[in-house]
Amino acid sequence: MIEHGLTRENAAKYVAWSPCFNRKELAEEMQLSEDSIFRYKRAFAEMSAVERLQVISVLSQELLDE
């Protein structure tokens, strides 16, 4: 994630909340700018499918473990 410029905390929120909100709502919920949300979206899109699934899997598991 770091090589894509993503913080672990915000990436976890992005993974958990992005299916539920549009970009503007997600930005408000995460207290980030819409540009930052777009950067996260682009970073995930630039990952290979395997890498993206691994990141989503790890972050989802961490959220479940909390």
N, C-alpha and C. Protein backbone atom coordinates (compact mmCIF):
# COMPACT_ATOMS: atom_id res chain seq x y z
N MET A 1 0.81 -1.19 0.00
CA MET A 1 0.00 0.00 0.00
C MET A 1 0.85 1.25 0.00
N ILE A 2 1.93 1.21 0.74
CA ILE A 2 2.78 2.39 0.87
C ILE A 2 3.32 2.81 -0.49
N GLU A 3 3.68 1.84 -1.34
CA GLU A 3 4.21 2.22 -2.64
C GLU A 3 3.16 2.90 -3.52
N HIS A 4 1.89 2.76 -3.14
CA HIS A 4 0.81 3.42 -3.87
C HIS A 4 0.37 4.70 -3.17
N GLY A 5 1.06 5.08 -2.09
CA GLY A 5 0.75 6.31 -1.38
C GLY A 5 -0.48 6.23 -0.50
N LEU A 6 -0.81 5.03 -0.02
CA LEU A 6 -1.99 4.85 0.80
C LEU A 6 -1.61 4.63 2.26
N THR A 7 -2.33 5.29 3.16
CA THR A 7 -2.12 4.99 4.57
C THR A 7 -3.00 3.79 4.92
N ARG A 8 -2.54 2.99 5.85
CA ARG A 8 -3.27 1.78 6.23
C ARG A 8 -4.66 2.11 6.76
N GLU A 9 -4.74 3.11 7.63
CA GLU A 9 -6.04 3.47 8.23
C GLU A 9 -7.04 3.95 7.18
N ASN A 10 -6.61 4.85 6.31
CA ASN A 10 -7.53 5.37 5.29
C ASN A 10 -7.84 4.32 4.23
N ALA A 11 -6.89 3.46 3.92
CA ALA A 11 -7.16 2.39 2.97
C ALA A 11 -8.21 1.44 3.52
N ALA A 12 -8.13 1.15 4.82
CA ALA A 12 -9.13 0.28 5.44
C ALA A 12 -10.52 0.91 5.38
N LYS A 13 -10.59 2.20 5.69
CA LYS A 13 -11.87 2.90 5.60
C LYS A 13 -12.38 2.92 4.16
N TYR A 14 -11.48 3.17 3.22
CA TYR A 14 -11.87 3.21 1.82
C TYR A 14 -12.46 1.86 1.39
N VAL A 15 -11.79 0.78 1.76
CA VAL A 15 -12.26 -0.56 1.39
C VAL A 15 -13.63 -0.83 2.02
N ALA A 16 -13.78 -0.47 3.27
CA ALA A 16 -15.03 -0.75 3.98
C ALA A 16 -16.19 0.13 3.52
N TRP A 17 -15.92 1.38 3.26
CA TRP A 17 -16.99 2.34 3.01
C TRP A 17 -17.24 2.67 1.55
N SER A 18 -16.29 2.45 0.66
CA SER A 18 -16.49 2.88 -0.73
C SER A 18 -17.69 2.24 -1.42
N PRO A 19 -18.06 0.99 -1.08
CA PRO A 19 -19.27 0.45 -1.73
C PRO A 19 -20.55 1.13 -1.26
N CYS A 20 -20.49 1.84 -0.14
CA CYS A 20 -21.69 2.42 0.46
C CYS A 20 -21.92 3.89 0.14
N PHE A 21 -20.90 4.57 -0.31
CA PHE A 21 -20.99 6.02 -0.50
C PHE A 21 -20.48 6.43 -1.87
N ASN A 22 -21.00 7.56 -2.37
CA ASN A 22 -20.38 8.15 -3.55
C ASN A 22 -19.13 8.91 -3.10
N ARG A 23 -18.38 9.43 -4.05
CA ARG A 23 -17.09 10.05 -3.71
C ARG A 23 -17.24 11.23 -2.75
N LYS A 24 -18.24 12.06 -2.96
CA LYS A 24 -18.44 13.23 -2.09
C LYS A 24 -18.80 12.78 -0.67
N GLU A 25 -19.73 11.84 -0.55
CA GLU A 25 -20.12 11.35 0.77
C GLU A 25 -18.96 10.65 1.47
N LEU A 26 -18.20 9.87 0.70
CA LEU A 26 -17.05 9.16 1.26
C LEU A 26 -16.00 10.15 1.77
N ALA A 27 -15.77 11.21 1.01
CA ALA A 27 -14.82 12.24 1.44
C ALA A 27 -15.27 12.87 2.76
N GLU A 28 -16.55 13.17 2.87
CA GLU A 28 -17.07 13.76 4.10
C GLU A 28 -16.94 12.77 5.26
N GLU A 29 -17.29 11.52 5.03
CA GLU A 29 -17.24 10.49 6.07
C GLU A 29 -15.81 10.25 6.56
N MET A 30 -14.85 10.27 5.63
CA MET A 30 -13.46 10.01 5.97
C MET A 30 -12.71 11.28 6.35
N GLN A 31 -13.38 12.42 6.23
CA GLN A 31 -12.78 13.73 6.50
C GLN A 31 -11.54 13.96 5.63
N LEU A 32 -11.70 13.64 4.34
CA LEU A 32 -10.66 13.87 3.33
C LEU A 32 -11.27 14.67 2.20
N SER A 33 -10.43 15.18 1.33
CA SER A 33 -10.94 15.89 0.15
C SER A 33 -11.39 14.87 -0.90
N GLU A 34 -12.24 15.32 -1.80
CA GLU A 34 -12.66 14.45 -2.91
C GLU A 34 -11.45 14.06 -3.76
N ASP A 35 -10.46 14.95 -3.87
CA ASP A 35 -9.24 14.63 -4.61
C ASP A 35 -8.50 13.47 -3.95
N SER A 36 -8.46 13.44 -2.63
CA SER A 36 -7.82 12.34 -1.92
C SER A 36 -8.56 11.03 -2.17
N ILE A 37 -9.87 11.07 -2.17
CA ILE A 37 -10.67 9.86 -2.45
C ILE A 37 -10.39 9.39 -3.87
N PHE A 38 -10.30 10.31 -4.80
CA PHE A 38 -9.99 9.94 -6.18
C PHE A 38 -8.60 9.30 -6.26
N ARG A 39 -7.65 9.83 -5.47
CA ARG A 39 -6.30 9.26 -5.45
C ARG A 39 -6.32 7.82 -4.93
N TYR A 40 -7.12 7.56 -3.91
CA TYR A 40 -7.26 6.20 -3.40
C TYR A 40 -7.88 5.28 -4.46
N LYS A 41 -8.92 5.78 -5.12
CA LYS A 41 -9.57 4.98 -6.17
C LYS A 41 -8.57 4.65 -7.26
N ARG A 42 -7.79 5.64 -7.67
CA ARG A 42 -6.81 5.44 -8.74
C ARG A 42 -5.71 4.48 -8.29
N ALA A 43 -5.27 4.59 -7.04
CA ALA A 43 -4.23 3.71 -6.52
C ALA A 43 -4.70 2.26 -6.53
N PHE A 44 -5.94 2.03 -6.11
CA PHE A 44 -6.46 0.66 -6.14
C PHE A 44 -6.60 0.17 -7.57
N ALA A 45 -6.98 1.05 -8.48
CA ALA A 45 -7.12 0.66 -9.89
C ALA A 45 -5.77 0.32 -10.52
N GLU A 46 -4.71 0.96 -10.05
CA GLU A 46 -3.38 0.71 -10.60
C GLU A 46 -2.75 -0.58 -10.08
N MET A 47 -3.29 -1.11 -8.99
CA MET A 47 -2.77 -2.38 -8.47
C MET A 47 -3.17 -3.52 -9.39
N SER A 48 -2.37 -4.57 -9.41
CA SER A 48 -2.79 -5.76 -10.14
C SER A 48 -3.99 -6.36 -9.40
N ALA A 49 -4.74 -7.19 -10.08
CA ALA A 49 -5.92 -7.80 -9.46
C ALA A 49 -5.54 -8.60 -8.23
N VAL A 50 -4.45 -9.34 -8.31
CA VAL A 50 -4.00 -10.15 -7.17
C VAL A 50 -3.60 -9.25 -6.01
N GLU A 51 -2.84 -8.21 -6.29
CA GLU A 51 -2.41 -7.29 -5.24
C GLU A 51 -3.61 -6.61 -4.58
N ARG A 52 -4.55 -6.17 -5.39
CA ARG A 52 -5.75 -5.51 -4.88
C ARG A 52 -6.53 -6.46 -3.96
N LEU A 53 -6.70 -7.70 -4.38
CA LEU A 53 -7.41 -8.68 -3.57
C LEU A 53 -6.69 -8.97 -2.26
N GLN A 54 -5.37 -9.03 -2.31
CA GLN A 54 -4.59 -9.27 -1.10
C GLN A 54 -4.75 -8.11 -0.12
N VAL A 55 -4.67 -6.89 -0.61
CA VAL A 55 -4.82 -5.71 0.25
C VAL A 55 -6.22 -5.68 0.85
N ILE A 56 -7.23 -5.89 0.02
CA ILE A 56 -8.61 -5.87 0.51
C ILE A 56 -8.83 -6.98 1.54
N SER A 57 -8.27 -8.14 1.29
CA SER A 57 -8.41 -9.27 2.22
C SER A 57 -7.79 -8.96 3.58
N VAL A 58 -6.57 -8.45 3.57
CA VAL A 58 -5.87 -8.13 4.82
C VAL A 58 -6.62 -7.04 5.58
N LEU A 59 -7.01 -5.98 4.90
CA LEU A 59 -7.70 -4.88 5.57
C LEU A 59 -9.06 -5.31 6.09
N SER A 60 -9.76 -6.13 5.34
CA SER A 60 -11.07 -6.62 5.80
C SER A 60 -10.92 -7.49 7.03
N GLN A 61 -9.92 -8.35 7.02
CA GLN A 61 -9.69 -9.20 8.18
C GLN A 61 -9.35 -8.38 9.42
N GLU A 62 -8.54 -7.35 9.24
CA GLU A 62 -8.20 -6.48 10.37
C GLU A 62 -9.43 -5.79 10.94
N LEU A 63 -10.34 -5.36 10.05
CA LEU A 63 -11.56 -4.72 10.52
C LEU A 63 -12.43 -5.71 11.31
N LEU A 64 -12.49 -6.95 10.84
CA LEU A 64 -13.27 -7.96 11.54
C LEU A 64 -12.67 -8.32 12.89
N ASP A 65 -11.36 -8.24 12.99
CA ASP A 65 -10.67 -8.59 14.23
C ASP A 65 -10.79 -7.51 15.32
N GLU A 66 -11.20 -6.31 14.93
CA GLU A 66 -11.30 -5.21 15.92
C GLU A 66 -12.41 -5.44 16.91
